[in-house]
Amino acid sequence: MKLSFVYILECSDRTYYTGITSNLEKRVFEHKFGKHQDSYTFSLRPLKLVFFCEFMDINMAIEKEKQIKKWSRAKKEALIKGDYLALPNLAKKKFQ
Protein backbone atom coordinates (compact mmCIF):
# COMPACT_ATOMS: atom_id res chain seq x y z
CA MET A 1 0.00 0.00 0.00
CA LYS A 2 1.27 3.48 -0.91
CA LEU A 3 1.93 6.07 1.79
CA SER A 4 0.22 9.43 1.72
CA PHE A 5 1.31 12.52 3.61
CA VAL A 6 -0.57 15.47 5.01
CA TYR A 7 1.75 18.42 5.48
CA ILE A 8 1.76 22.00 6.67
CA LEU A 9 4.01 24.70 5.24
CA GLU A 10 4.64 28.02 6.91
CA CYS A 11 4.67 30.78 4.30
CA SER A 12 6.74 33.97 4.34
CA ASP A 13 3.67 35.95 5.50
CA ARG A 14 3.33 33.51 8.45
CA THR A 15 0.17 31.89 7.04
CA TYR A 16 -0.08 28.11 6.89
CA TYR A 17 -0.71 26.00 3.82
CA THR A 18 -2.00 22.46 4.31
CA GLY A 19 -1.65 19.90 1.55
CA ILE A 20 -1.59 16.21 0.72
CA THR A 21 0.82 14.19 -1.41
CA SER A 22 2.20 10.71 -2.00
CA ASN A 23 5.76 12.06 -2.36
CA LEU A 24 6.52 14.56 0.38
CA GLU A 25 10.09 15.41 -0.61
CA LYS A 26 9.13 16.07 -4.24
CA ARG A 27 6.05 18.12 -3.33
CA VAL A 28 7.88 20.33 -0.84
CA PHE A 29 10.60 20.90 -3.45
CA GLU A 30 7.93 21.94 -5.97
CA HIS A 31 6.45 24.41 -3.49
CA LYS A 32 9.82 25.86 -2.50
CA PHE A 33 10.99 26.39 -6.07
CA GLY A 34 7.65 27.58 -7.48
CA LYS A 35 6.81 24.83 -9.95
CA HIS A 36 3.14 25.85 -10.04
CA GLN A 37 2.80 29.61 -10.64
CA ASP A 38 -0.94 29.64 -9.88
CA SER A 39 -0.58 27.94 -6.49
CA TYR A 40 -1.27 29.69 -3.18
CA THR A 41 2.34 29.32 -2.06
CA PHE A 42 4.03 30.64 -5.23
CA SER A 43 4.17 34.30 -4.15
CA LEU A 44 4.62 33.44 -0.47
CA ARG A 45 8.07 31.91 -0.67
CA PRO A 46 10.31 31.16 1.13
CA LEU A 47 8.41 28.29 2.72
CA LYS A 48 9.19 26.05 5.64
CA LEU A 49 7.86 22.54 6.23
CA VAL A 50 6.60 22.68 9.83
CA PHE A 51 4.53 19.49 10.12
CA PHE A 52 3.75 16.25 8.35
CA CYS A 53 2.13 12.93 9.15
CA GLU A 54 1.84 9.79 7.08
CA PHE A 55 -1.15 7.60 6.31
CA MET A 56 -1.50 4.13 4.84
CA ASP A 57 -5.03 4.94 3.64
CA ILE A 58 -5.40 7.82 1.15
CA ASN A 59 -9.01 8.36 2.21
CA MET A 60 -7.98 8.96 5.81
CA ALA A 61 -5.29 11.39 4.62
CA ILE A 62 -7.82 13.33 2.55
CA GLU A 63 -10.19 13.48 5.51
CA LYS A 64 -7.44 14.73 7.83
CA GLU A 65 -6.27 17.38 5.34
CA LYS A 66 -9.82 18.74 5.03
CA GLN A 67 -10.15 18.76 8.81
CA ILE A 68 -6.88 20.63 9.41
CA LYS A 69 -7.71 23.23 6.74
CA LYS A 70 -10.77 24.21 8.80
CA TRP A 71 -8.80 24.63 12.03
CA SER A 72 -7.92 27.93 13.64
CA ARG A 73 -4.36 29.19 13.55
CA ALA A 74 -4.01 28.42 17.28
CA LYS A 75 -5.09 24.82 16.75
CA LYS A 76 -2.70 24.37 13.81
CA GLU A 77 0.14 25.77 15.91
CA ALA A 78 -0.67 23.34 18.74
CA LEU A 79 -0.49 20.48 16.22
CA ILE A 80 2.81 21.77 14.84
CA LYS A 81 4.25 22.01 18.38
CA GLY A 82 3.01 18.51 19.19
CA ASP A 83 0.72 19.82 21.95
CA TYR A 84 -1.95 17.20 21.28
CA LEU A 85 -3.66 17.67 24.65
CA ALA A 86 -4.54 21.26 23.72
CA LEU A 87 -6.24 20.34 20.43
CA PRO A 88 -9.75 19.58 21.77
CA ASN A 89 -9.91 22.97 23.51
CA LEU A 90 -8.92 24.98 20.44
CA ALA A 91 -12.07 24.73 18.36
CA LYS A 92 -12.39 27.33 15.61
CA LYS A 93 -15.84 28.39 16.74
CA LYS A 94 -15.92 30.57 19.87
CA PHE A 95 -18.85 30.04 22.19
CA GLN A 96 -20.05 32.73 24.59
PDB file of N, CA and C in Angstrom:
ATOM      1  N   MET A   1       0.832  -1.181   0.000  1.00  0.00           N
ATOM      2  CA  MET A   1       0.000   0.000   0.000  1.00  0.00           C
ATOM      3  C   MET A   1       0.887   1.258   0.000  1.00  0.00           C
ATOM      4  N   LYS A   2       0.488   2.261  -0.738  1.00  0.00           N
ATOM      5  CA  LYS A   2       1.265   3.480  -0.905  1.00  0.00           C
ATOM      6  C   LYS A   2       1.003   4.458   0.245  1.00  0.00           C
ATOM      7  N   LEU A   3       2.064   5.067   0.736  1.00  0.00           N
ATOM      8  CA  LEU A   3       1.934   6.067   1.788  1.00  0.00           C
ATOM      9  C   LEU A   3       1.425   7.384   1.223  1.00  0.00           C
ATOM     10  N   SER A   4       0.656   8.072   2.040  1.00  0.00           N
ATOM     11  CA  SER A   4       0.215   9.428   1.724  1.00  0.00           C
ATOM     12  C   SER A   4       0.619  10.317   2.890  1.00  0.00           C
ATOM     13  N   PHE A   5       0.866  11.579   2.588  1.00  0.00           N
ATOM     14  CA  PHE A   5       1.310  12.523   3.606  1.00  0.00           C
ATOM     15  C   PHE A   5       0.396  13.738   3.625  1.00  0.00           C
ATOM     16  N   VAL A   6       0.065  14.179   4.815  1.00  0.00           N
ATOM     17  CA  VAL A   6      -0.573  15.467   5.015  1.00  0.00           C
ATOM     18  C   VAL A   6       0.516  16.349   5.587  1.00  0.00           C
ATOM     19  N   TYR A   7       0.658  17.554   5.056  1.00  0.00           N
ATOM     20  CA  TYR A   7       1.753  18.419   5.483  1.00  0.00           C
ATOM     21  C   TYR A   7       1.277  19.850   5.665  1.00  0.00           C
ATOM     22  N   ILE A   8       2.026  20.584   6.468  1.00  0.00           N
ATOM     23  CA  ILE A   8       1.760  22.004   6.667  1.00  0.00           C
ATOM     24  C   ILE A   8       3.039  22.772   6.377  1.00  0.00           C
ATOM     25  N   LEU A   9       2.910  23.793   5.533  1.00  0.00           N
ATOM     26  CA  LEU A   9       4.014  24.698   5.236  1.00  0.00           C
ATOM     27  C   LEU A   9       3.728  26.038   5.899  1.00  0.00           C
ATOM     28  N   GLU A  10       4.759  26.647   6.443  1.00  0.00           N
ATOM     29  CA  GLU A  10       4.635  28.025   6.912  1.00  0.00           C
ATOM     30  C   GLU A  10       5.152  28.918   5.795  1.00  0.00           C
ATOM     31  N   CYS A  11       4.324  29.880   5.386  1.00  0.00           N
ATOM     32  CA  CYS A  11       4.672  30.778   4.300  1.00  0.00           C
ATOM     33  C   CYS A  11       5.380  32.021   4.841  1.00  0.00           C
ATOM     34  N   SER A  12       5.973  32.785   3.944  1.00  0.00           N
ATOM     35  CA  SER A  12       6.737  33.970   4.344  1.00  0.00           C
ATOM     36  C   SER A  12       5.883  35.013   5.054  1.00  0.00           C
ATOM     37  N   ASP A  13       4.567  35.014   4.814  1.00  0.00           N
ATOM     38  CA  ASP A  13       3.675  35.953   5.497  1.00  0.00           C
ATOM     39  C   ASP A  13       3.113  35.361   6.791  1.00  0.00           C
ATOM     40  N   ARG A  14       3.672  34.221   7.213  1.00  0.00           N
ATOM     41  CA  ARG A  14       3.329  33.509   8.445  1.00  0.00           C
ATOM     42  C   ARG A  14       1.982  32.796   8.376  1.00  0.00           C
ATOM     43  N   THR A  15       1.367  32.702   7.192  1.00  0.00           N
ATOM     44  CA  THR A  15       0.165  31.887   7.040  1.00  0.00           C
ATOM     45  C   THR A  15       0.600  30.434   6.890  1.00  0.00           C
ATOM     46  N   TYR A  16      -0.365  29.539   7.041  1.00  0.00           N
ATOM     47  CA  TYR A  16      -0.085  28.114   6.891  1.00  0.00           C
ATOM     48  C   TYR A  16      -0.816  27.561   5.678  1.00  0.00           C
ATOM     49  N   TYR A  17      -0.121  26.710   4.948  1.00  0.00           N
ATOM     50  CA  TYR A  17      -0.713  26.005   3.817  1.00  0.00           C
ATOM     51  C   TYR A  17      -0.722  24.524   4.165  1.00  0.00           C
ATOM     52  N   THR A  18      -1.870  23.893   4.033  1.00  0.00           N
ATOM     53  CA  THR A  18      -1.999  22.460   4.308  1.00  0.00           C
ATOM     54  C   THR A  18      -2.248  21.730   2.999  1.00  0.00           C
ATOM     55  N   GLY A  19      -1.513  20.659   2.783  1.00  0.00           N
ATOM     56  CA  GLY A  19      -1.655  19.904   1.546  1.00  0.00           C
ATOM     57  C   GLY A  19      -1.530  18.411   1.773  1.00  0.00           C
ATOM     58  N   ILE A  20      -1.672  17.671   0.695  1.00  0.00           N
ATOM     59  CA  ILE A  20      -1.588  16.208   0.722  1.00  0.00           C
ATOM     60  C   ILE A  20      -0.780  15.759  -0.493  1.00  0.00           C
ATOM     61  N   THR A  21      -0.009  14.702  -0.319  1.00  0.00           N
ATOM     62  CA  THR A  21       0.816  14.194  -1.415  1.00  0.00           C
ATOM     63  C   THR A  21       1.203  12.742  -1.143  1.00  0.00           C
ATOM     64  N   SER A  22       1.649  12.058  -2.180  1.00  0.00           N
ATOM     65  CA  SER A  22       2.196  10.713  -2.002  1.00  0.00           C
ATOM     66  C   SER A  22       3.725  10.748  -2.015  1.00  0.00           C
ATOM     67  N   ASN A  23       4.307  11.916  -2.338  1.00  0.00           N
ATOM     68  CA  ASN A  23       5.763  12.064  -2.355  1.00  0.00           C
ATOM     69  C   ASN A  23       6.115  13.395  -1.688  1.00  0.00           C
ATOM     70  N   LEU A  24       6.332  13.344  -0.395  1.00  0.00           N
ATOM     71  CA  LEU A  24       6.521  14.563   0.384  1.00  0.00           C
ATOM     72  C   LEU A  24       7.747  15.353  -0.057  1.00  0.00           C
ATOM     73  N   GLU A  25       8.854  14.711  -0.226  1.00  0.00           N
ATOM     74  CA  GLU A  25      10.088  15.409  -0.611  1.00  0.00           C
ATOM     75  C   GLU A  25       9.919  16.147  -1.937  1.00  0.00           C
ATOM     76  N   LYS A  26       9.338  15.461  -2.918  1.00  0.00           N
ATOM     77  CA  LYS A  26       9.129  16.068  -4.239  1.00  0.00           C
ATOM     78  C   LYS A  26       8.159  17.251  -4.154  1.00  0.00           C
ATOM     79  N   ARG A  27       7.065  17.072  -3.399  1.00  0.00           N
ATOM     80  CA  ARG A  27       6.046  18.123  -3.333  1.00  0.00           C
ATOM     81  C   ARG A  27       6.564  19.367  -2.615  1.00  0.00           C
ATOM     82  N   VAL A  28       7.311  19.184  -1.548  1.00  0.00           N
ATOM     83  CA  VAL A  28       7.878  20.334  -0.837  1.00  0.00           C
ATOM     84  C   VAL A  28       8.875  21.058  -1.747  1.00  0.00           C
ATOM     85  N   PHE A  29       9.662  20.308  -2.478  1.00  0.00           N
ATOM     86  CA  PHE A  29      10.595  20.900  -3.449  1.00  0.00           C
ATOM     87  C   PHE A  29       9.837  21.750  -4.467  1.00  0.00           C
ATOM     88  N   GLU A  30       8.731  21.204  -4.989  1.00  0.00           N
ATOM     89  CA  GLU A  30       7.932  21.942  -5.971  1.00  0.00           C
ATOM     90  C   GLU A  30       7.396  23.248  -5.386  1.00  0.00           C
ATOM     91  N   HIS A  31       6.927  23.187  -4.147  1.00  0.00           N
ATOM     92  CA  HIS A  31       6.448  24.414  -3.491  1.00  0.00           C
ATOM     93  C   HIS A  31       7.586  25.423  -3.338  1.00  0.00           C
ATOM     94  N   LYS A  32       8.701  24.958  -2.808  1.00  0.00           N
ATOM     95  CA  LYS A  32       9.819  25.865  -2.497  1.00  0.00           C
ATOM     96  C   LYS A  32      10.396  26.537  -3.731  1.00  0.00           C
ATOM     97  N   PHE A  33      10.383  25.838  -4.861  1.00  0.00           N
ATOM     98  CA  PHE A  33      10.987  26.390  -6.069  1.00  0.00           C
ATOM     99  C   PHE A  33       9.961  26.881  -7.087  1.00  0.00           C
ATOM    100  N   GLY A  34       8.689  26.941  -6.677  1.00  0.00           N
ATOM    101  CA  GLY A  34       7.655  27.585  -7.479  1.00  0.00           C
ATOM    102  C   GLY A  34       7.295  26.885  -8.766  1.00  0.00           C
ATOM    103  N   LYS A  35       7.147  25.572  -8.723  1.00  0.00           N
ATOM    104  CA  LYS A  35       6.812  24.834  -9.945  1.00  0.00           C
ATOM    105  C   LYS A  35       5.440  25.246 -10.496  1.00  0.00           C
ATOM    106  N   HIS A  36       4.498  25.522  -9.615  1.00  0.00           N
ATOM    107  CA  HIS A  36       3.136  25.854 -10.043  1.00  0.00           C
ATOM    108  C   HIS A  36       2.867  27.330  -9.762  1.00  0.00           C
ATOM    109  N   GLN A  37       2.922  28.158 -10.795  1.00  0.00           N
ATOM    110  CA  GLN A  37       2.800  29.605 -10.637  1.00  0.00           C
ATOM    111  C   GLN A  37       1.430  30.055 -10.134  1.00  0.00           C
ATOM    112  N   ASP A  38       0.406  29.252 -10.322  1.00  0.00           N
ATOM    113  CA  ASP A  38      -0.937  29.638  -9.884  1.00  0.00           C
ATOM    114  C   ASP A  38      -1.278  29.095  -8.489  1.00  0.00           C
ATOM    115  N   SER A  39      -0.303  28.485  -7.819  1.00  0.00           N
ATOM    116  CA  SER A  39      -0.580  27.936  -6.490  1.00  0.00           C
ATOM    117  C   SER A  39      -0.543  29.019  -5.412  1.00  0.00           C
ATOM    118  N   TYR A  40      -1.211  28.754  -4.306  1.00  0.00           N
ATOM    119  CA  TYR A  40      -1.272  29.690  -3.178  1.00  0.00           C
ATOM    120  C   TYR A  40       0.125  30.065  -2.693  1.00  0.00           C
ATOM    121  N   THR A  41       1.019  29.111  -2.658  1.00  0.00           N
ATOM    122  CA  THR A  41       2.344  29.318  -2.065  1.00  0.00           C
ATOM    123  C   THR A  41       3.344  30.013  -2.981  1.00  0.00           C
ATOM    124  N   PHE A  42       3.038  30.127  -4.272  1.00  0.00           N
ATOM    125  CA  PHE A  42       4.026  30.645  -5.232  1.00  0.00           C
ATOM    126  C   PHE A  42       4.582  32.010  -4.823  1.00  0.00           C
ATOM    127  N   SER A  43       3.718  32.946  -4.498  1.00  0.00           N
ATOM    128  CA  SER A  43       4.171  34.299  -4.152  1.00  0.00           C
ATOM    129  C   SER A  43       4.488  34.454  -2.666  1.00  0.00           C
ATOM    130  N   LEU A  44       4.399  33.374  -1.917  1.00  0.00           N
ATOM    131  CA  LEU A  44       4.621  33.440  -0.471  1.00  0.00           C
ATOM    132  C   LEU A  44       5.890  32.699  -0.043  1.00  0.00           C
ATOM    133  N   ARG A  45       6.788  32.538  -0.982  1.00  0.00           N
ATOM    134  CA  ARG A  45       8.071  31.905  -0.669  1.00  0.00           C
ATOM    135  C   ARG A  45       9.001  32.915  -0.028  1.00  0.00           C
ATOM    136  N   PRO A  46       9.910  32.532   0.821  1.00  0.00           N
ATOM    137  CA  PRO A  46      10.308  31.159   1.129  1.00  0.00           C
ATOM    138  C   PRO A  46       9.299  30.456   2.048  1.00  0.00           C
ATOM    139  N   LEU A  47       9.324  29.146   1.975  1.00  0.00           N
ATOM    140  CA  LEU A  47       8.408  28.292   2.719  1.00  0.00           C
ATOM    141  C   LEU A  47       9.205  27.376   3.644  1.00  0.00           C
ATOM    142  N   LYS A  48       8.545  26.950   4.690  1.00  0.00           N
ATOM    143  CA  LYS A  48       9.192  26.047   5.643  1.00  0.00           C
ATOM    144  C   LYS A  48       8.224  24.923   5.981  1.00  0.00           C
ATOM    145  N   LEU A  49       8.668  23.687   5.820  1.00  0.00           N
ATOM    146  CA  LEU A  49       7.858  22.540   6.225  1.00  0.00           C
ATOM    147  C   LEU A  49       7.858  22.491   7.749  1.00  0.00           C
ATOM    148  N   VAL A  50       6.674  22.626   8.364  1.00  0.00           N
ATOM    149  CA  VAL A  50       6.604  22.676   9.828  1.00  0.00           C
ATOM    150  C   VAL A  50       5.904  21.467  10.436  1.00  0.00           C
ATOM    151  N   PHE A  51       5.227  20.665   9.605  1.00  0.00           N
ATOM    152  CA  PHE A  51       4.531  19.486  10.118  1.00  0.00           C
ATOM    153  C   PHE A  51       4.223  18.539   8.968  1.00  0.00           C
ATOM    154  N   PHE A  52       4.279  17.249   9.273  1.00  0.00           N
ATOM    155  CA  PHE A  52       3.745  16.250   8.353  1.00  0.00           C
ATOM    156  C   PHE A  52       3.387  14.997   9.129  1.00  0.00           C
ATOM    157  N   CYS A  53       2.455  14.250   8.607  1.00  0.00           N
ATOM    158  CA  CYS A  53       2.133  12.931   9.147  1.00  0.00           C
ATOM    159  C   CYS A  53       1.834  12.018   7.971  1.00  0.00           C
ATOM    160  N   GLU A  54       2.024  10.738   8.174  1.00  0.00           N
ATOM    161  CA  GLU A  54       1.835   9.793   7.079  1.00  0.00           C
ATOM    162  C   GLU A  54       0.643   8.889   7.347  1.00  0.00           C
ATOM    163  N   PHE A  55       0.036   8.445   6.259  1.00  0.00           N
ATOM    164  CA  PHE A  55      -1.146   7.596   6.308  1.00  0.00           C
ATOM    165  C   PHE A  55      -0.979   6.442   5.338  1.00  0.00           C
ATOM    166  N   MET A  56      -1.487   5.297   5.730  1.00  0.00           N
ATOM    167  CA  MET A  56      -1.502   4.133   4.839  1.00  0.00           C
ATOM    168  C   MET A  56      -2.742   4.152   3.947  1.00  0.00           C
ATOM    169  N   ASP A  57      -3.763   4.880   4.366  1.00  0.00           N
ATOM    170  CA  ASP A  57      -5.028   4.942   3.641  1.00  0.00           C
ATOM    171  C   ASP A  57      -5.222   6.363   3.102  1.00  0.00           C
ATOM    172  N   ILE A  58      -5.257   6.515   1.792  1.00  0.00           N
ATOM    173  CA  ILE A  58      -5.398   7.825   1.155  1.00  0.00           C
ATOM    174  C   ILE A  58      -6.682   8.522   1.579  1.00  0.00           C
ATOM    175  N   ASN A  59      -7.736   7.763   1.804  1.00  0.00           N
ATOM    176  CA  ASN A  59      -9.012   8.364   2.206  1.00  0.00           C
ATOM    177  C   ASN A  59      -8.913   9.005   3.590  1.00  0.00           C
ATOM    178  N   MET A  60      -8.186   8.376   4.482  1.00  0.00           N
ATOM    179  CA  MET A  60      -7.979   8.958   5.809  1.00  0.00           C
ATOM    180  C   MET A  60      -7.133  10.227   5.713  1.00  0.00           C
ATOM    181  N   ALA A  61      -6.151  10.213   4.816  1.00  0.00           N
ATOM    182  CA  ALA A  61      -5.293  11.387   4.615  1.00  0.00           C
ATOM    183  C   ALA A  61      -6.115  12.559   4.075  1.00  0.00           C
ATOM    184  N   ILE A  62      -6.972  12.286   3.122  1.00  0.00           N
ATOM    185  CA  ILE A  62      -7.824  13.331   2.548  1.00  0.00           C
ATOM    186  C   ILE A  62      -8.740  13.910   3.621  1.00  0.00           C
ATOM    187  N   GLU A  63      -9.311  13.040   4.429  1.00  0.00           N
ATOM    188  CA  GLU A  63     -10.193  13.483   5.512  1.00  0.00           C
ATOM    189  C   GLU A  63      -9.437  14.366   6.512  1.00  0.00           C
ATOM    190  N   LYS A  64      -8.233  13.958   6.871  1.00  0.00           N
ATOM    191  CA  LYS A  64      -7.435  14.732   7.832  1.00  0.00           C
ATOM    192  C   LYS A  64      -7.023  16.085   7.243  1.00  0.00           C
ATOM    193  N   GLU A  65      -6.636  16.111   5.974  1.00  0.00           N
ATOM    194  CA  GLU A  65      -6.275  17.379   5.335  1.00  0.00           C
ATOM    195  C   GLU A  65      -7.452  18.355   5.371  1.00  0.00           C
ATOM    196  N   LYS A  66      -8.626  17.885   5.019  1.00  0.00           N
ATOM    197  CA  LYS A  66      -9.819  18.741   5.033  1.00  0.00           C
ATOM    198  C   LYS A  66     -10.105  19.246   6.447  1.00  0.00           C
ATOM    199  N   GLN A  67      -9.922  18.381   7.423  1.00  0.00           N
ATOM    200  CA  GLN A  67     -10.155  18.756   8.815  1.00  0.00           C
ATOM    201  C   GLN A  67      -9.183  19.848   9.261  1.00  0.00           C
ATOM    202  N   ILE A  68      -7.900  19.659   8.997  1.00  0.00           N
ATOM    203  CA  ILE A  68      -6.877  20.626   9.411  1.00  0.00           C
ATOM    204  C   ILE A  68      -7.098  21.977   8.732  1.00  0.00           C
ATOM    205  N   LYS A  69      -7.485  21.974   7.462  1.00  0.00           N
ATOM    206  CA  LYS A  69      -7.712  23.228   6.739  1.00  0.00           C
ATOM    207  C   LYS A  69      -8.778  24.091   7.410  1.00  0.00           C
ATOM    208  N   LYS A  70      -9.707  23.480   8.127  1.00  0.00           N
ATOM    209  CA  LYS A  70     -10.772  24.215   8.802  1.00  0.00           C
ATOM    210  C   LYS A  70     -10.358  24.720  10.191  1.00  0.00           C
ATOM    211  N   TRP A  71      -9.220  24.277  10.677  1.00  0.00           N
ATOM    212  CA  TRP A  71      -8.798  24.626  12.032  1.00  0.00           C
ATOM    213  C   TRP A  71      -8.348  26.075  12.133  1.00  0.00           C
ATOM    214  N   SER A  72      -8.432  26.593  13.338  1.00  0.00           N
ATOM    215  CA  SER A  72      -7.916  27.932  13.635  1.00  0.00           C
ATOM    216  C   SER A  72      -6.396  27.907  13.588  1.00  0.00           C
ATOM    217  N   ARG A  73      -5.813  29.074  13.517  1.00  0.00           N
ATOM    218  CA  ARG A  73      -4.358  29.194  13.551  1.00  0.00           C
ATOM    219  C   ARG A  73      -3.807  28.612  14.854  1.00  0.00           C
ATOM    220  N   ALA A  74      -4.465  28.907  15.969  1.00  0.00           N
ATOM    221  CA  ALA A  74      -4.008  28.418  17.277  1.00  0.00           C
ATOM    222  C   ALA A  74      -4.005  26.892  17.320  1.00  0.00           C
ATOM    223  N   LYS A  75      -5.013  26.283  16.751  1.00  0.00           N
ATOM    224  CA  LYS A  75      -5.090  24.822  16.751  1.00  0.00           C
ATOM    225  C   LYS A  75      -4.011  24.227  15.847  1.00  0.00           C
ATOM    226  N   LYS A  76      -3.780  24.841  14.687  1.00  0.00           N
ATOM    227  CA  LYS A  76      -2.703  24.367  13.806  1.00  0.00           C
ATOM    228  C   LYS A  76      -1.353  24.490  14.499  1.00  0.00           C
ATOM    229  N   GLU A  77      -1.143  25.576  15.219  1.00  0.00           N
ATOM    230  CA  GLU A  77       0.136  25.766  15.913  1.00  0.00           C
ATOM    231  C   GLU A  77       0.319  24.752  17.043  1.00  0.00           C
ATOM    232  N   ALA A  78      -0.764  24.378  17.719  1.00  0.00           N
ATOM    233  CA  ALA A  78      -0.670  23.341  18.743  1.00  0.00           C
ATOM    234  C   ALA A  78      -0.270  22.009  18.103  1.00  0.00           C
ATOM    235  N   LEU A  79      -0.849  21.701  16.943  1.00  0.00           N
ATOM    236  CA  LEU A  79      -0.494  20.480  16.217  1.00  0.00           C
ATOM    237  C   LEU A  79       0.976  20.510  15.819  1.00  0.00           C
ATOM    238  N   ILE A  80       1.420  21.629  15.275  1.00  0.00           N
ATOM    239  CA  ILE A  80       2.811  21.773  14.840  1.00  0.00           C
ATOM    240  C   ILE A  80       3.773  21.580  16.015  1.00  0.00           C
ATOM    241  N   LYS A  81       3.409  22.120  17.174  1.00  0.00           N
ATOM    242  CA  LYS A  81       4.248  22.010  18.379  1.00  0.00           C
ATOM    243  C   LYS A  81       4.147  20.639  19.041  1.00  0.00           C
ATOM    244  N   GLY A  82       3.191  19.826  18.584  1.00  0.00           N
ATOM    245  CA  GLY A  82       3.006  18.510  19.188  1.00  0.00           C
ATOM    246  C   GLY A  82       2.237  18.572  20.502  1.00  0.00           C
ATOM    247  N   ASP A  83       1.507  19.648  20.729  1.00  0.00           N
ATOM    248  CA  ASP A  83       0.722  19.821  21.948  1.00  0.00           C
ATOM    249  C   ASP A  83      -0.674  19.224  21.723  1.00  0.00           C
ATOM    250  N   TYR A  84      -0.726  17.907  21.636  1.00  0.00           N
ATOM    251  CA  TYR A  84      -1.952  17.205  21.278  1.00  0.00           C
ATOM    252  C   TYR A  84      -3.046  17.335  22.336  1.00  0.00           C
ATOM    253  N   LEU A  85      -2.671  17.516  23.588  1.00  0.00           N
ATOM    254  CA  LEU A  85      -3.661  17.668  24.650  1.00  0.00           C
ATOM    255  C   LEU A  85      -4.454  18.963  24.518  1.00  0.00           C
ATOM    256  N   ALA A  86      -3.871  19.976  23.893  1.00  0.00           N
ATOM    257  CA  ALA A  86      -4.543  21.264  23.723  1.00  0.00           C
ATOM    258  C   ALA A  86      -5.540  21.256  22.561  1.00  0.00           C
ATOM    259  N   LEU A  87      -5.421  20.325  21.646  1.00  0.00           N
ATOM    260  CA  LEU A  87      -6.245  20.339  20.428  1.00  0.00           C
ATOM    261  C   LEU A  87      -7.752  20.372  20.684  1.00  0.00           C
ATOM    262  N   PRO A  88      -8.291  19.557  21.579  1.00  0.00           N
ATOM    263  CA  PRO A  88      -9.748  19.580  21.771  1.00  0.00           C
ATOM    264  C   PRO A  88     -10.284  20.929  22.264  1.00  0.00           C
ATOM    265  N   ASN A  89      -9.474  21.687  22.960  1.00  0.00           N
ATOM    266  CA  ASN A  89      -9.911  22.974  23.513  1.00  0.00           C
ATOM    267  C   ASN A  89      -9.715  24.142  22.562  1.00  0.00           C
ATOM    268  N   LEU A  90      -9.214  23.908  21.374  1.00  0.00           N
ATOM    269  CA  LEU A  90      -8.917  24.980  20.438  1.00  0.00           C
ATOM    270  C   LEU A  90      -9.834  24.937  19.217  1.00  0.00           C
ATOM    271  N   ALA A  91     -11.097  24.753  19.455  1.00  0.00           N
ATOM    272  CA  ALA A  91     -12.074  24.733  18.364  1.00  0.00           C
ATOM    273  C   ALA A  91     -12.091  26.077  17.674  1.00  0.00           C
ATOM    274  N   LYS A  92     -12.354  26.085  16.383  1.00  0.00           N
ATOM    275  CA  LYS A  92     -12.388  27.325  15.611  1.00  0.00           C
ATOM    276  C   LYS A  92     -13.530  28.221  16.063  1.00  0.00           C
ATOM    277  N   LYS A  93     -14.671  27.631  16.360  1.00  0.00           N
ATOM    278  CA  LYS A  93     -15.841  28.394  16.737  1.00  0.00           C
ATOM    279  C   LYS A  93     -15.722  28.796  18.213  1.00  0.00           C
ATOM    280  N   LYS A  94     -15.954  30.050  18.496  1.00  0.00           N
ATOM    281  CA  LYS A  94     -15.916  30.566  19.866  1.00  0.00           C
ATOM    282  C   LYS A  94     -17.330  30.622  20.411  1.00  0.00           C
ATOM    283  N   PHE A  95     -17.536  30.021  21.553  1.00  0.00           N
ATOM    284  CA  PHE A  95     -18.846  30.043  22.193  1.00  0.00           C
ATOM    285  C   PHE A  95     -18.843  31.054  23.327  1.00  0.00           C
ATOM    286  N   GLN A  96     -19.978  31.712  23.544  1.00  0.00           N
ATOM    287  CA  GLN A  96     -20.046  32.726  24.594  1.00  0.00           C
ATOM    288  C   GLN A  96     -20.786  32.209  25.803  1.00  0.00           C
TER     289      GLN A  96
END
